[in-house]
Protein backbone atom coordinates (compact mmCIF):
# COMPACT_ATOMS: atom_id res chain seq x y z
CA MET A 1 43.74 24.91 -26.66
CA LEU A 2 46.20 27.59 -25.60
CA LYS A 3 46.77 28.04 -21.85
CA VAL A 4 48.46 31.20 -20.61
CA VAL A 5 49.48 32.27 -17.11
CA VAL A 6 50.27 35.97 -16.72
CA GLN A 7 52.13 37.08 -13.60
CA VAL A 8 51.78 40.67 -12.45
CA SER A 9 54.13 41.65 -9.64
CA ASP A 10 54.70 45.39 -10.15
CA ILE A 11 51.96 47.90 -9.43
CA ASN A 12 53.26 49.98 -12.34
CA ASN A 13 52.57 47.15 -14.81
CA ILE A 14 48.94 46.43 -13.92
CA ASP A 15 47.37 48.44 -16.76
CA GLN A 16 49.70 46.93 -19.35
CA ALA A 17 49.02 43.38 -18.10
CA LEU A 18 45.24 43.86 -18.15
CA THR A 19 45.42 45.30 -21.67
CA SER A 20 47.54 42.35 -22.79
CA CYS A 21 45.02 39.87 -21.35
CA ASN A 22 42.17 41.65 -23.08
CA ASN A 23 44.05 41.65 -26.38
CA LEU A 24 44.85 37.97 -25.96
CA ILE A 25 41.20 36.98 -25.51
CA ASN A 26 40.19 39.18 -28.42
CA GLU A 27 42.69 37.40 -30.67
CA ILE A 28 42.28 33.86 -29.28
CA PRO A 29 38.80 33.65 -27.71
CA ASP A 30 39.14 30.01 -26.66
CA ALA A 31 42.43 30.52 -24.79
CA VAL A 32 42.48 29.71 -21.10
CA VAL A 33 43.99 32.76 -19.40
CA GLU A 34 44.95 33.00 -15.74
CA VAL A 35 46.36 36.17 -14.20
CA VAL A 36 48.23 35.92 -10.90
CA PHE A 37 48.67 39.14 -8.94
CA HIS A 38 51.44 39.24 -6.34
CA GLN A 39 53.90 41.56 -4.62
CA SER A 40 52.91 45.24 -5.05
CA ALA A 41 50.39 44.42 -7.79
CA ILE A 42 48.20 42.59 -5.24
CA SER A 43 46.44 45.91 -4.60
CA ALA A 44 44.70 45.57 -7.99
CA VAL A 45 42.47 42.75 -6.77
CA VAL A 46 41.19 44.52 -3.67
CA LYS A 47 37.61 45.81 -3.77
CA GLY A 48 37.58 49.48 -4.73
CA SER A 49 40.84 49.40 -6.68
CA ASN A 50 41.05 51.70 -9.67
CA VAL A 51 41.06 48.69 -12.00
CA GLU A 52 38.24 46.73 -10.36
CA GLY A 53 35.93 47.27 -13.35
CA ARG A 54 38.56 46.01 -15.80
CA ILE A 55 39.24 42.94 -13.66
CA ARG A 56 35.51 42.19 -13.38
CA ASN A 57 35.16 42.48 -17.17
CA LEU A 58 38.04 40.06 -17.73
CA MET A 59 36.49 37.56 -15.32
CA LYS A 60 33.15 37.87 -17.16
CA ARG A 61 35.06 36.90 -20.30
CA GLY A 62 36.43 33.78 -18.60
CA VAL A 63 39.82 34.97 -17.35
CA ILE A 64 40.81 33.34 -14.06
CA VAL A 65 42.11 35.96 -11.63
CA VAL A 66 44.25 34.79 -8.71
CA ALA A 67 45.64 36.65 -5.70
CA CYS A 68 48.84 35.32 -4.16
CA ARG A 69 48.08 34.32 -0.57
CA ASN A 70 51.64 35.16 0.55
CA SER A 71 51.34 38.68 -0.83
CA MET A 72 47.90 39.03 0.79
CA ARG A 73 49.30 37.93 4.13
CA SER A 74 52.30 40.28 3.96
CA ARG A 75 49.98 43.23 3.27
CA ASP A 76 47.24 42.23 5.73
CA ILE A 77 44.67 41.68 2.97
CA SER A 78 41.89 39.26 3.90
CA GLU A 79 39.84 37.13 1.50
CA ASP A 80 36.73 39.25 2.08
CA GLN A 81 38.63 42.29 0.78
CA LEU A 82 39.15 40.67 -2.62
CA ILE A 83 36.98 41.51 -5.60
CA ASP A 84 34.21 38.92 -5.81
CA GLY A 85 35.32 36.02 -7.97
CA VAL A 86 39.06 36.45 -7.40
CA LYS A 87 40.65 33.20 -6.23
CA ASN A 88 43.58 33.05 -3.87
CA SER A 89 46.37 30.56 -3.90
CA GLN A 90 49.72 29.72 -2.41
CA CYS A 91 52.25 31.38 -4.62
CA TRP A 92 53.73 28.24 -6.11
CA ARG A 93 53.73 29.89 -9.53
CA CYS A 94 55.89 32.88 -8.76
CA GLY A 95 57.82 31.63 -5.74
CA ASP A 96 59.31 35.03 -4.98
CA CYS A 97 56.78 36.70 -2.70
């Protein structure tokens, strides 16, 4: 089974990253895909974001969506502001927040 972690740190790359994740699951349906949003891209996982629907659809398809806790803290984003189903984690994956 293929496991993929996608890191999205730049707000300008959110659409491209979400499209890539969608394409990945279309091509390899049994892949385990996790997307970690950090730095300026953290805004994508906040309720009401312009990509909330796309993120919800990816989660319905089994994609694990994670918000970097360090990026949340630095932007005063609380857990209750996250889209339902988004996990939050210490940023051990990216290490540069």
